[in-house]
Amino acid sequence: MAANAIPEEPEGGKDKETVDFKDMLKNGRYYLIPSFFYLLRQLKKAKRDFSIVFRTFGTDLPALVSEFNA
């Protein structure tokens, strides 16, 4: 999936978060898909309470957590 596949804001403008996501994903290799970050942004904007649980089947959890925290 290309880094330019990050969903745009409904208004069509690029905010700082969108630019940061593109910078983070520019190498084309990542654990979390861009739509996941879009979902988180929408939940925060709607002031919804939510929890995130990461479950992996290997040793990739540290890399995933590092990417999420970035």
Protein backbone atom coordinates (compact mmCIF):
# COMPACT_ATOMS: atom_id res chain seq x y z
CA MET A 1 0.00 0.00 0.00
CA ALA A 2 1.42 3.37 -0.94
CA ALA A 3 1.93 6.15 1.57
CA ASN A 4 -0.39 8.40 -0.46
CA ALA A 5 -3.33 6.13 0.45
CA ILE A 6 -3.91 8.05 3.69
CA PRO A 7 -7.53 9.23 3.81
CA GLU A 8 -7.97 12.97 3.51
CA GLU A 9 -10.06 15.06 5.84
CA PRO A 10 -13.70 15.37 4.71
CA GLU A 11 -13.10 19.06 3.97
CA GLY A 12 -10.32 18.06 1.56
CA GLY A 13 -7.66 20.09 3.40
CA LYS A 14 -4.44 18.63 4.72
CA ASP A 15 -3.95 19.14 8.42
CA LYS A 16 -0.76 18.59 10.43
CA GLU A 17 -1.82 15.05 11.41
CA THR A 18 -2.18 14.00 7.77
CA VAL A 19 1.25 15.38 6.94
CA ASP A 20 2.77 13.59 9.97
CA PHE A 21 1.17 10.28 8.92
CA LYS A 22 2.56 10.61 5.41
CA ASP A 23 6.02 11.31 6.79
CA MET A 24 5.81 8.31 9.11
CA LEU A 25 4.69 5.97 6.32
CA LYS A 26 6.90 7.33 3.53
CA ASN A 27 9.10 4.22 3.39
CA GLY A 28 6.12 2.08 2.40
CA ARG A 29 6.67 -0.48 5.18
CA TYR A 30 4.50 -0.32 8.24
CA TYR A 31 2.47 -2.46 10.65
CA LEU A 32 -0.63 -0.31 11.03
CA ILE A 33 -2.64 0.61 7.97
CA PRO A 34 -3.44 4.29 7.34
CA SER A 35 -7.18 3.74 7.80
CA PHE A 36 -6.47 2.68 11.40
CA PHE A 37 -5.00 6.12 12.12
CA TYR A 38 -7.95 7.74 10.38
CA LEU A 39 -10.33 5.78 12.64
CA LEU A 40 -8.45 6.93 15.73
CA ARG A 41 -8.58 10.53 14.58
CA GLN A 42 -12.34 10.30 13.97
CA LEU A 43 -12.94 8.72 17.39
CA LYS A 44 -10.95 11.49 19.08
CA LYS A 45 -12.81 14.20 17.16
CA ALA A 46 -16.12 12.66 18.20
CA LYS A 47 -14.85 12.60 21.82
CA ARG A 48 -15.59 8.88 22.06
CA ASP A 49 -14.09 6.69 24.77
CA PHE A 50 -12.21 3.71 23.34
CA SER A 51 -9.47 1.23 24.11
CA ILE A 52 -6.98 -0.42 21.80
CA VAL A 53 -5.67 -3.95 22.25
CA PHE A 54 -2.88 -5.19 20.00
CA ARG A 55 -2.62 -8.92 19.52
CA THR A 56 0.16 -10.41 17.48
CA PHE A 57 1.33 -13.93 16.76
CA GLY A 58 5.02 -13.21 16.66
CA THR A 59 7.76 -10.96 17.87
CA ASP A 60 6.55 -7.84 16.07
CA LEU A 61 4.77 -6.24 19.04
CA PRO A 62 7.64 -3.89 20.01
CA ALA A 63 7.84 -2.53 16.44
CA LEU A 64 4.06 -2.15 16.30
CA VAL A 65 3.93 -0.27 19.60
CA SER A 66 6.79 1.96 18.51
CA GLU A 67 4.95 2.80 15.28
CA PHE A 68 1.70 3.47 17.13
CA ASN A 69 3.41 5.76 19.64
CA ALA A 70 5.19 7.70 16.89
